[in-house]
Amino acid sequence: MSMVHLKDFAKGHGQPHAASLLGMTQGALSKAIRIGRTVYVAQKTDGSFAAIEFRSFPSRQDREAVLAPTLDETIRQLALSVEPGKPSVHSSSKEPTHDRRSL
């Protein structure tokens, strides 16, 4: 079974057709190539294709660098960004509204 890099597979078949052969969208295939994922394509004995990604183990990167802020950190940042003495809710949104047509 020979394996071909995803980029070469897409060049040989064209991205839309290559994506269809792999059961994915052309956008997903394009992104995988663009960001440099290590994906190889092999043809199965039945003629279909399978994509295999090689990643180091464990595959997690430095978690501190990729994690988004925690909920506590986000709330703290939002609380600090609110100006003192100014409510975060517009006063008109607290008043009940009356539709004259329903009276």
PDB file of N, CA and C in Angstrom:
ATOM      1  N   MET A   1       0.851  -1.169   0.000  1.00  0.00           N
ATOM      2  CA  MET A   1       0.000   0.000   0.000  1.00  0.00           C
ATOM      3  C   MET A   1       0.899   1.234   0.000  1.00  0.00           C
ATOM      4  N   SER A   2       0.810   2.036  -1.049  1.00  0.00           N
ATOM      5  CA  SER A   2       1.614   3.258  -1.093  1.00  0.00           C
ATOM      6  C   SER A   2       0.798   4.429  -0.539  1.00  0.00           C
ATOM      7  N   MET A   3       1.517   5.324   0.110  1.00  0.00           N
ATOM      8  CA  MET A   3       0.850   6.473   0.698  1.00  0.00           C
ATOM      9  C   MET A   3       1.396   7.739   0.051  1.00  0.00           C
ATOM     10  N   VAL A   4       0.486   8.692  -0.183  1.00  0.00           N
ATOM     11  CA  VAL A   4       0.823   9.949  -0.826  1.00  0.00           C
ATOM     12  C   VAL A   4       0.423  11.071   0.121  1.00  0.00           C
ATOM     13  N   HIS A   5       1.257  12.101   0.212  1.00  0.00           N
ATOM     14  CA  HIS A   5       0.912  13.239   1.061  1.00  0.00           C
ATOM     15  C   HIS A   5      -0.382  13.882   0.538  1.00  0.00           C
ATOM     16  N   LEU A   6      -1.188  14.388   1.447  1.00  0.00           N
ATOM     17  CA  LEU A   6      -2.484  14.982   1.098  1.00  0.00           C
ATOM     18  C   LEU A   6      -2.343  16.073   0.045  1.00  0.00           C
ATOM     19  N   LYS A   7      -1.313  16.888   0.165  1.00  0.00           N
ATOM     20  CA  LYS A   7      -1.086  17.977  -0.795  1.00  0.00           C
ATOM     21  C   LYS A   7      -0.891  17.425  -2.207  1.00  0.00           C
ATOM     22  N   ASP A   8      -0.108  16.345  -2.330  1.00  0.00           N
ATOM     23  CA  ASP A   8       0.129  15.737  -3.641  1.00  0.00           C
ATOM     24  C   ASP A   8      -1.121  15.038  -4.167  1.00  0.00           C
ATOM     25  N   PHE A   9      -1.865  14.415  -3.274  1.00  0.00           N
ATOM     26  CA  PHE A   9      -3.119  13.763  -3.655  1.00  0.00           C
ATOM     27  C   PHE A   9      -4.092  14.794  -4.226  1.00  0.00           C
ATOM     28  N   ALA A  10      -4.190  15.947  -3.558  1.00  0.00           N
ATOM     29  CA  ALA A  10      -5.086  17.010  -4.019  1.00  0.00           C
ATOM     30  C   ALA A  10      -4.627  17.592  -5.350  1.00  0.00           C
ATOM     31  N   LYS A  11      -3.309  17.720  -5.534  1.00  0.00           N
ATOM     32  CA  LYS A  11      -2.788  18.224  -6.810  1.00  0.00           C
ATOM     33  C   LYS A  11      -3.138  17.272  -7.950  1.00  0.00           C
ATOM     34  N   GLY A  12      -3.025  15.978  -7.681  1.00  0.00           N
ATOM     35  CA  GLY A  12      -3.278  14.976  -8.718  1.00  0.00           C
ATOM     36  C   GLY A  12      -4.743  14.824  -9.087  1.00  0.00           C
ATOM     37  N   HIS A  13      -5.637  15.075  -8.136  1.00  0.00           N
ATOM     38  CA  HIS A  13      -7.071  14.869  -8.382  1.00  0.00           C
ATOM     39  C   HIS A  13      -7.861  16.170  -8.453  1.00  0.00           C
ATOM     40  N   GLY A  14      -7.255  17.272  -8.044  1.00  0.00           N
ATOM     41  CA  GLY A  14      -7.995  18.525  -7.910  1.00  0.00           C
ATOM     42  C   GLY A  14      -8.667  18.540  -6.539  1.00  0.00           C
ATOM     43  N   GLN A  15      -8.656  19.677  -5.870  1.00  0.00           N
ATOM     44  CA  GLN A  15      -9.162  19.719  -4.499  1.00  0.00           C
ATOM     45  C   GLN A  15     -10.619  19.293  -4.350  1.00  0.00           C
ATOM     46  N   PRO A  16     -11.542  19.772  -5.195  1.00  0.00           N
ATOM     47  CA  PRO A  16     -12.951  19.356  -4.998  1.00  0.00           C
ATOM     48  C   PRO A  16     -13.142  17.837  -5.130  1.00  0.00           C
ATOM     49  N   HIS A  17     -12.502  17.237  -6.140  1.00  0.00           N
ATOM     50  CA  HIS A  17     -12.647  15.793  -6.350  1.00  0.00           C
ATOM     51  C   HIS A  17     -11.921  15.000  -5.257  1.00  0.00           C
ATOM     52  N   ALA A  18     -10.736  15.457  -4.878  1.00  0.00           N
ATOM     53  CA  ALA A  18      -9.982  14.786  -3.810  1.00  0.00           C
ATOM     54  C   ALA A  18     -10.778  14.808  -2.509  1.00  0.00           C
ATOM     55  N   ALA A  19     -11.388  15.948  -2.198  1.00  0.00           N
ATOM     56  CA  ALA A  19     -12.201  16.057  -0.981  1.00  0.00           C
ATOM     57  C   ALA A  19     -13.378  15.094  -1.039  1.00  0.00           C
ATOM     58  N   SER A  20     -14.007  15.007  -2.182  1.00  0.00           N
ATOM     59  CA  SER A  20     -15.134  14.082  -2.356  1.00  0.00           C
ATOM     60  C   SER A  20     -14.691  12.632  -2.165  1.00  0.00           C
ATOM     61  N   LEU A  21     -13.542  12.269  -2.704  1.00  0.00           N
ATOM     62  CA  LEU A  21     -13.022  10.904  -2.555  1.00  0.00           C
ATOM     63  C   LEU A  21     -12.738  10.560  -1.091  1.00  0.00           C
ATOM     64  N   LEU A  22     -12.387  11.584  -0.301  1.00  0.00           N
ATOM     65  CA  LEU A  22     -12.064  11.353   1.112  1.00  0.00           C
ATOM     66  C   LEU A  22     -13.264  11.574   2.035  1.00  0.00           C
ATOM     67  N   GLY A  23     -14.389  11.984   1.474  1.00  0.00           N
ATOM     68  CA  GLY A  23     -15.599  12.184   2.279  1.00  0.00           C
ATOM     69  C   GLY A  23     -15.533  13.431   3.139  1.00  0.00           C
ATOM     70  N   MET A  24     -14.957  14.486   2.587  1.00  0.00           N
ATOM     71  CA  MET A  24     -14.843  15.739   3.332  1.00  0.00           C
ATOM     72  C   MET A  24     -15.149  16.900   2.407  1.00  0.00           C
ATOM     73  N   THR A  25     -15.223  18.097   2.952  1.00  0.00           N
ATOM     74  CA  THR A  25     -15.465  19.264   2.121  1.00  0.00           C
ATOM     75  C   THR A  25     -14.152  19.772   1.543  1.00  0.00           C
ATOM     76  N   GLN A  26     -14.268  20.515   0.464  1.00  0.00           N
ATOM     77  CA  GLN A  26     -13.086  21.096  -0.158  1.00  0.00           C
ATOM     78  C   GLN A  26     -12.434  22.094   0.788  1.00  0.00           C
ATOM     79  N   GLY A  27     -13.242  22.815   1.565  1.00  0.00           N
ATOM     80  CA  GLY A  27     -12.709  23.781   2.519  1.00  0.00           C
ATOM     81  C   GLY A  27     -11.870  23.120   3.600  1.00  0.00           C
ATOM     82  N   ALA A  28     -12.339  21.981   4.108  1.00  0.00           N
ATOM     83  CA  ALA A  28     -11.594  21.247   5.144  1.00  0.00           C
ATOM     84  C   ALA A  28     -10.276  20.720   4.582  1.00  0.00           C
ATOM     85  N   LEU A  29     -10.314  20.240   3.360  1.00  0.00           N
ATOM     86  CA  LEU A  29      -9.097  19.747   2.713  1.00  0.00           C
ATOM     87  C   LEU A  29      -8.109  20.889   2.509  1.00  0.00           C
ATOM     88  N   SER A  30      -8.604  22.013   2.021  1.00  0.00           N
ATOM     89  CA  SER A  30      -7.758  23.171   1.792  1.00  0.00           C
ATOM     90  C   SER A  30      -7.115  23.657   3.095  1.00  0.00           C
ATOM     91  N   LYS A  31      -7.886  23.696   4.164  1.00  0.00           N
ATOM     92  CA  LYS A  31      -7.350  24.149   5.452  1.00  0.00           C
ATOM     93  C   LYS A  31      -6.275  23.191   5.964  1.00  0.00           C
ATOM     94  N   ALA A  32      -6.509  21.889   5.838  1.00  0.00           N
ATOM     95  CA  ALA A  32      -5.528  20.897   6.288  1.00  0.00           C
ATOM     96  C   ALA A  32      -4.205  21.079   5.554  1.00  0.00           C
ATOM     97  N   ILE A  33      -4.282  21.363   4.268  1.00  0.00           N
ATOM     98  CA  ILE A  33      -3.064  21.593   3.479  1.00  0.00           C
ATOM     99  C   ILE A  33      -2.416  22.909   3.890  1.00  0.00           C
ATOM    100  N   ARG A  34      -3.230  23.953   4.021  1.00  0.00           N
ATOM    101  CA  ARG A  34      -2.715  25.288   4.334  1.00  0.00           C
ATOM    102  C   ARG A  34      -1.983  25.337   5.674  1.00  0.00           C
ATOM    103  N   ILE A  35      -2.525  24.648   6.699  1.00  0.00           N
ATOM    104  CA  ILE A  35      -1.884  24.714   8.013  1.00  0.00           C
ATOM    105  C   ILE A  35      -0.790  23.667   8.182  1.00  0.00           C
ATOM    106  N   GLY A  36      -0.586  22.839   7.153  1.00  0.00           N
ATOM    107  CA  GLY A  36       0.538  21.906   7.162  1.00  0.00           C
ATOM    108  C   GLY A  36       0.331  20.642   7.973  1.00  0.00           C
ATOM    109  N   ARG A  37      -0.900  20.142   8.027  1.00  0.00           N
ATOM    110  CA  ARG A  37      -1.125  18.889   8.757  1.00  0.00           C
ATOM    111  C   ARG A  37      -0.429  17.740   8.037  1.00  0.00           C
ATOM    112  N   THR A  38       0.075  16.791   8.806  1.00  0.00           N
ATOM    113  CA  THR A  38       0.813  15.657   8.257  1.00  0.00           C
ATOM    114  C   THR A  38      -0.169  14.526   7.959  1.00  0.00           C
ATOM    115  N   VAL A  39      -0.829  14.641   6.808  1.00  0.00           N
ATOM    116  CA  VAL A  39      -1.863  13.678   6.409  1.00  0.00           C
ATOM    117  C   VAL A  39      -1.405  12.980   5.142  1.00  0.00           C
ATOM    118  N   TYR A  40      -1.542  11.664   5.142  1.00  0.00           N
ATOM    119  CA  TYR A  40      -1.209  10.861   3.972  1.00  0.00           C
ATOM    120  C   TYR A  40      -2.445  10.107   3.524  1.00  0.00           C
ATOM    121  N   VAL A  41      -2.530   9.870   2.216  1.00  0.00           N
ATOM    122  CA  VAL A  41      -3.681   9.182   1.632  1.00  0.00           C
ATOM    123  C   VAL A  41      -3.215   7.857   1.058  1.00  0.00           C
ATOM    124  N   ALA A  42      -3.979   6.813   1.347  1.00  0.00           N
ATOM    125  CA  ALA A  42      -3.688   5.480   0.817  1.00  0.00           C
ATOM    126  C   ALA A  42      -4.946   4.948   0.146  1.00  0.00           C
ATOM    127  N   GLN A  43      -4.749   4.175  -0.911  1.00  0.00           N
ATOM    128  CA  GLN A  43      -5.881   3.549  -1.579  1.00  0.00           C
ATOM    129  C   GLN A  43      -6.096   2.172  -0.986  1.00  0.00           C
ATOM    130  N   LYS A  44      -7.345   1.904  -0.610  1.00  0.00           N
ATOM    131  CA  LYS A  44      -7.696   0.597  -0.036  1.00  0.00           C
ATOM    132  C   LYS A  44      -7.845  -0.433  -1.147  1.00  0.00           C
ATOM    133  N   THR A  45      -7.939  -1.698  -0.762  1.00  0.00           N
ATOM    134  CA  THR A  45      -8.065  -2.779  -1.744  1.00  0.00           C
ATOM    135  C   THR A  45      -9.377  -2.696  -2.531  1.00  0.00           C
ATOM    136  N   ASP A  46     -10.397  -2.079  -1.935  1.00  0.00           N
ATOM    137  CA  ASP A  46     -11.679  -1.954  -2.645  1.00  0.00           C
ATOM    138  C   ASP A  46     -11.720  -0.739  -3.577  1.00  0.00           C
ATOM    139  N   GLY A  47     -10.629   0.022  -3.655  1.00  0.00           N
ATOM    140  CA  GLY A  47     -10.557   1.172  -4.550  1.00  0.00           C
ATOM    141  C   GLY A  47     -10.854   2.503  -3.883  1.00  0.00           C
ATOM    142  N   SER A  48     -11.397   2.473  -2.686  1.00  0.00           N
ATOM    143  CA  SER A  48     -11.674   3.731  -1.977  1.00  0.00           C
ATOM    144  C   SER A  48     -10.375   4.256  -1.351  1.00  0.00           C
ATOM    145  N   PHE A  49     -10.450   5.454  -0.817  1.00  0.00           N
ATOM    146  CA  PHE A  49      -9.261   6.091  -0.245  1.00  0.00           C
ATOM    147  C   PHE A  49      -9.452   6.345   1.246  1.00  0.00           C
ATOM    148  N   ALA A  50      -8.354   6.320   1.972  1.00  0.00           N
ATOM    149  CA  ALA A  50      -8.366   6.609   3.402  1.00  0.00           C
ATOM    150  C   ALA A  50      -7.262   7.617   3.690  1.00  0.00           C
ATOM    151  N   ALA A  51      -7.585   8.589   4.525  1.00  0.00           N
ATOM    152  CA  ALA A  51      -6.594   9.592   4.927  1.00  0.00           C
ATOM    153  C   ALA A  51      -6.143   9.268   6.342  1.00  0.00           C
ATOM    154  N   ILE A  52      -4.839   9.317   6.549  1.00  0.00           N
ATOM    155  CA  ILE A  52      -4.255   8.981   7.844  1.00  0.00           C
ATOM    156  C   ILE A  52      -3.376  10.143   8.275  1.00  0.00           C
ATOM    157  N   GLU A  53      -3.606  10.632   9.493  1.00  0.00           N
ATOM    158  CA  GLU A  53      -2.801  11.738  10.005  1.00  0.00           C
ATOM    159  C   GLU A  53      -1.777  11.216  10.992  1.00  0.00           C
ATOM    160  N   PHE A  54      -0.542  11.645  10.826  1.00  0.00           N
ATOM    161  CA  PHE A  54       0.526  11.275  11.744  1.00  0.00           C
ATOM    162  C   PHE A  54       0.779  12.444  12.679  1.00  0.00           C
ATOM    163  N   ARG A  55       0.701  12.153  13.985  1.00  0.00           N
ATOM    164  CA  ARG A  55       0.925  13.172  14.998  1.00  0.00           C
ATOM    165  C   ARG A  55       1.812  12.602  16.079  1.00  0.00           C
ATOM    166  N   SER A  56       2.561  13.463  16.714  1.00  0.00           N
ATOM    167  CA  SER A  56       3.386  12.983  17.812  1.00  0.00           C
ATOM    168  C   SER A  56       2.483  12.593  18.987  1.00  0.00           C
ATOM    169  N   PHE A  57       3.010  11.768  19.849  1.00  0.00           N
ATOM    170  CA  PHE A  57       2.228  11.325  21.002  1.00  0.00           C
ATOM    171  C   PHE A  57       2.954  11.722  22.268  1.00  0.00           C
ATOM    172  N   PRO A  58       2.363  12.330  23.211  1.00  0.00           N
ATOM    173  CA  PRO A  58       0.987  12.828  23.168  1.00  0.00           C
ATOM    174  C   PRO A  58       0.903  14.019  22.223  1.00  0.00           C
ATOM    175  N   SER A  59      -0.253  14.193  21.609  1.00  0.00           N
ATOM    176  CA  SER A  59      -0.389  15.191  20.560  1.00  0.00           C
ATOM    177  C   SER A  59      -0.726  16.583  21.067  1.00  0.00           C
ATOM    178  N   ARG A  60      -1.021  16.715  22.358  1.00  0.00           N
ATOM    179  CA  ARG A  60      -1.367  18.034  22.893  1.00  0.00           C
ATOM    180  C   ARG A  60      -0.158  18.942  22.865  1.00  0.00           C
ATOM    181  N   GLN A  61      -0.397  20.169  22.458  1.00  0.00           N
ATOM    182  CA  GLN A  61       0.667  21.171  22.480  1.00  0.00           C
ATOM    183  C   GLN A  61       0.738  21.742  23.881  1.00  0.00           C
ATOM    184  N   ASP A  62       1.559  22.742  24.074  1.00  0.00           N
ATOM    185  CA  ASP A  62       1.653  23.421  25.357  1.00  0.00           C
ATOM    186  C   ASP A  62       0.275  23.989  25.685  1.00  0.00           C
ATOM    187  N   ARG A  63      -0.414  23.376  26.638  1.00  0.00           N
ATOM    188  CA  ARG A  63      -1.801  23.751  26.940  1.00  0.00           C
ATOM    189  C   ARG A  63      -1.924  25.189  27.409  1.00  0.00           C
ATOM    190  N   GLU A  64      -0.936  25.718  28.089  1.00  0.00           N
ATOM    191  CA  GLU A  64      -1.017  27.099  28.567  1.00  0.00           C
ATOM    192  C   GLU A  64      -1.086  28.069  27.390  1.00  0.00           C
ATOM    193  N   ALA A  65      -0.414  27.737  26.310  1.00  0.00           N
ATOM    194  CA  ALA A  65      -0.371  28.634  25.163  1.00  0.00           C
ATOM    195  C   ALA A  65      -1.653  28.588  24.338  1.00  0.00           C
ATOM    196  N   VAL A  66      -2.380  27.475  24.364  1.00  0.00           N
ATOM    197  CA  VAL A  66      -3.544  27.333  23.496  1.00  0.00           C
ATOM    198  C   VAL A  66      -4.873  27.467  24.212  1.00  0.00           C
ATOM    199  N   LEU A  67      -4.885  27.494  25.532  1.00  0.00           N
ATOM    200  CA  LEU A  67      -6.145  27.590  26.253  1.00  0.00           C
ATOM    201  C   LEU A  67      -6.703  29.000  26.234  1.00  0.00           C
ATOM    202  N   ALA A  68      -8.005  29.088  26.100  1.00  0.00           N
ATOM    203  CA  ALA A  68      -8.695  30.371  26.199  1.00  0.00           C
ATOM    204  C   ALA A  68      -8.801  30.736  27.673  1.00  0.00           C
ATOM    205  N   PRO A  69      -9.080  31.997  27.981  1.00  0.00           N
ATOM    206  CA  PRO A  69      -9.223  32.365  29.386  1.00  0.00           C
ATOM    207  C   PRO A  69     -10.352  31.579  30.045  1.00  0.00           C
ATOM    208  N   THR A  70     -10.207  31.327  31.344  1.00  0.00           N
ATOM    209  CA  THR A  70     -11.262  30.624  32.073  1.00  0.00           C
ATOM    210  C   THR A  70     -12.455  31.545  32.244  1.00  0.00           C
ATOM    211  N   LEU A  71     -13.571  30.997  32.661  1.00  0.00           N
ATOM    212  CA  LEU A  71     -14.770  31.784  32.889  1.00  0.00           C
ATOM    213  C   LEU A  71     -14.516  32.832  33.967  1.00  0.00           C
ATOM    214  N   ASP A  72     -13.826  32.451  35.044  1.00  0.00           N
ATOM    215  CA  ASP A  72     -13.511  33.407  36.109  1.00  0.00           C
ATOM    216  C   ASP A  72     -12.677  34.569  35.578  1.00  0.00           C
ATOM    217  N   GLU A  73     -11.685  34.266  34.739  1.00  0.00           N
ATOM    218  CA  GLU A  73     -10.848  35.322  34.178  1.00  0.00           C
ATOM    219  C   GLU A  73     -11.659  36.242  33.277  1.00  0.00           C
ATOM    220  N   THR A  74     -12.558  35.660  32.491  1.00  0.00           N
ATOM    221  CA  THR A  74     -13.394  36.455  31.592  1.00  0.00           C
ATOM    222  C   THR A  74     -14.317  37.369  32.381  1.00  0.00           C
ATOM    223  N   ILE A  75     -14.954  36.831  33.429  1.00  0.00           N
ATOM    224  CA  ILE A  75     -15.853  37.639  34.260  1.00  0.00           C
ATOM    225  C   ILE A  75     -15.081  38.761  34.938  1.00  0.00           C
ATOM    226  N   ARG A  76     -13.900  38.453  35.450  1.00  0.00           N
ATOM    227  CA  ARG A  76     -13.070  39.462  36.094  1.00  0.00           C
ATOM    228  C   ARG A  76     -12.719  40.589  35.119  1.00  0.00           C
ATOM    229  N   GLN A  77     -12.362  40.229  33.899  1.00  0.00           N
ATOM    230  CA  GLN A  77     -12.024  41.234  32.895  1.00  0.00           C
ATOM    231  C   GLN A  77     -13.231  42.092  32.554  1.00  0.00           C
ATOM    232  N   LEU A  78     -14.412  41.463  32.443  1.00  0.00           N
ATOM    233  CA  LEU A  78     -15.622  42.216  32.141  1.00  0.00           C
ATOM    234  C   LEU A  78     -15.981  43.153  33.286  1.00  0.00           C
ATOM    235  N   ALA A  79     -15.831  42.685  34.511  1.00  0.00           N
ATOM    236  CA  ALA A  79     -16.152  43.509  35.683  1.00  0.00           C
ATOM    237  C   ALA A  79     -15.227  44.719  35.747  1.00  0.00           C
ATOM    238  N   LEU A  80     -13.977  44.543  35.391  1.00  0.00           N
ATOM    239  CA  LEU A  80     -13.032  45.656  35.421  1.00  0.00           C
ATOM    240  C   LEU A  80     -13.276  46.652  34.296  1.00  0.00           C
ATOM    241  N   SER A  81     -13.891  46.173  33.196  1.00  0.00           N
ATOM    242  CA  SER A  81     -14.104  47.059  32.053  1.00  0.00           C
ATOM    243  C   SER A  81     -15.352  47.928  32.190  1.00  0.00           C
ATOM    244  N   VAL A  82     -16.252  47.614  33.137  1.00  0.00           N
ATOM    245  CA  VAL A  82     -17.465  48.406  33.342  1.00  0.00           C
ATOM    246  C   VAL A  82     -17.092  49.671  34.113  1.00  0.00           C
ATOM    247  N   GLU A  83     -17.520  50.811  33.600  1.00  0.00           N
ATOM    248  CA  GLU A  83     -17.210  52.072  34.259  1.00  0.00           C
ATOM    249  C   GLU A  83     -18.028  52.207  35.539  1.00  0.00           C
ATOM    250  N   PRO A  84     -17.428  52.687  36.634  1.00  0.00           N
ATOM    251  CA  PRO A  84     -18.164  52.855  37.877  1.00  0.00           C
ATOM    252  C   PRO A  84     -19.296  53.873  37.703  1.00  0.00           C
ATOM    253  N   GLY A  85     -20.430  53.580  38.311  1.00  0.00           N
ATOM    254  CA  GLY A  85     -21.567  54.488  38.263  1.00  0.00           C
ATOM    255  C   GLY A  85     -22.408  54.376  37.012  1.00  0.00           C
ATOM    256  N   LYS A  86     -21.992  53.568  36.063  1.00  0.00           N
ATOM    257  CA  LYS A  86     -22.763  53.406  34.830  1.00  0.00           C
ATOM    258  C   LYS A  86     -23.249  51.962  34.758  1.00  0.00           C
ATOM    259  N   PRO A  87     -24.554  51.750  34.760  1.00  0.00           N
ATOM    260  CA  PRO A  87     -25.069  50.374  34.722  1.00  0.00           C
ATOM    261  C   PRO A  87     -24.779  49.731  33.365  1.00  0.00           C
ATOM    262  N   SER A  88     -24.636  48.432  33.395  1.00  0.00           N
ATOM    263  CA  SER A  88     -24.372  47.719  32.152  1.00  0.00           C
ATOM    264  C   SER A  88     -25.643  47.487  31.351  1.00  0.00           C
ATOM    265  N   VAL A  89     -26.811  47.705  31.972  1.00  0.00           N
ATOM    266  CA  VAL A  89     -28.091  47.526  31.296  1.00  0.00           C
ATOM    267  C   VAL A  89     -28.688  48.906  31.064  1.00  0.00           C
ATOM    268  N   HIS A  90     -29.177  49.143  29.866  1.00  0.00           N
ATOM    269  CA  HIS A  90     -29.800  50.423  29.556  1.00  0.00           C
ATOM    270  C   HIS A  90     -31.095  50.529  30.337  1.00  0.00           C
ATOM    271  N   SER A  91     -31.345  51.687  30.936  1.00  0.00           N
ATOM    272  CA  SER A  91     -32.503  51.841  31.813  1.00  0.00           C
ATOM    273  C   SER A  91     -33.814  51.584  31.094  1.00  0.00           C
ATOM    274  N   SER A  92     -33.898  51.866  29.805  1.00  0.00           N
ATOM    275  CA  SER A  92     -35.146  51.645  29.081  1.00  0.00           C
ATOM    276  C   SER A  92     -35.472  50.172  28.944  1.00  0.00           C
ATOM    277  N   SER A  93     -34.479  49.302  29.051  1.00  0.00           N
ATOM    278  CA  SER A  93     -34.745  47.871  28.920  1.00  0.00           C
ATOM    279  C   SER A  93     -35.355  47.291  30.190  1.00  0.00           C
ATOM    280  N   LYS A  94     -35.304  48.029  31.295  1.00  0.00           N
ATOM    281  CA  LYS A  94     -35.888  47.546  32.548  1.00  0.00           C
ATOM    282  C   LYS A  94     -37.348  47.961  32.691  1.00  0.00           C
ATOM    283  N   GLU A  95     -37.776  48.957  31.931  1.00  0.00           N
ATOM    284  CA  GLU A  95     -39.141  49.437  32.042  1.00  0.00           C
ATOM    285  C   GLU A  95     -40.058  48.569  31.190  1.00  0.00           C
ATOM    286  N   PRO A  96     -41.268  48.273  31.671  1.00  0.00           N
ATOM    287  CA  PRO A  96     -42.187  47.483  30.857  1.00  0.00           C
ATOM    288  C   PRO A  96     -42.649  48.298  29.645  1.00  0.00           C
ATOM    289  N   THR A  97     -42.834  47.625  28.568  1.00  0.00           N
ATOM    290  CA  THR A  97     -43.318  48.294  27.366  1.00  0.00           C
ATOM    291  C   THR A  97     -44.783  47.980  27.177  1.00  0.00           C
ATOM    292  N   HIS A  98     -45.536  48.940  26.687  1.00  0.00           N
ATOM    293  CA  HIS A  98     -46.963  48.754  26.432  1.00  0.00           C
ATOM    294  C   HIS A  98     -47.230  49.014  24.971  1.00  0.00           C
ATOM    295  N   ASP A  99     -47.912  48.092  24.367  1.00  0.00           N
ATOM    296  CA  ASP A  99     -48.303  48.247  22.982  1.00  0.00           C
ATOM    297  C   ASP A  99     -49.722  48.811  22.989  1.00  0.00           C
ATOM    298  N   ARG A 100     -49.905  49.997  22.415  1.00  0.00           N
ATOM    299  CA  ARG A 100     -51.207  50.658  22.450  1.00  0.00           C
ATOM    300  C   ARG A 100     -52.259  49.833  21.711  1.00  0.00           C
ATOM    301  N   ARG A 101     -51.819  49.038  20.727  1.00  0.00           N
ATOM    302  CA  ARG A 101     -52.795  48.249  19.963  1.00  0.00           C
ATOM    303  C   ARG A 101     -53.394  47.142  20.815  1.00  0.00           C
ATOM    304  N   SER A 102     -52.683  46.677  21.839  1.00  0.00           N
ATOM    305  CA  SER A 102     -53.199  45.578  22.655  1.00  0.00           C
ATOM    306  C   SER A 102     -54.093  46.069  23.782  1.00  0.00           C
ATOM    307  N   LEU A 103     -54.182  47.380  24.029  1.00  0.00           N
ATOM    308  CA  LEU A 103     -55.022  47.906  25.120  1.00  0.00           C
ATOM    309  C   LEU A 103     -56.462  47.969  24.758  1.00  0.00           C
TER     310      LEU A 103
END
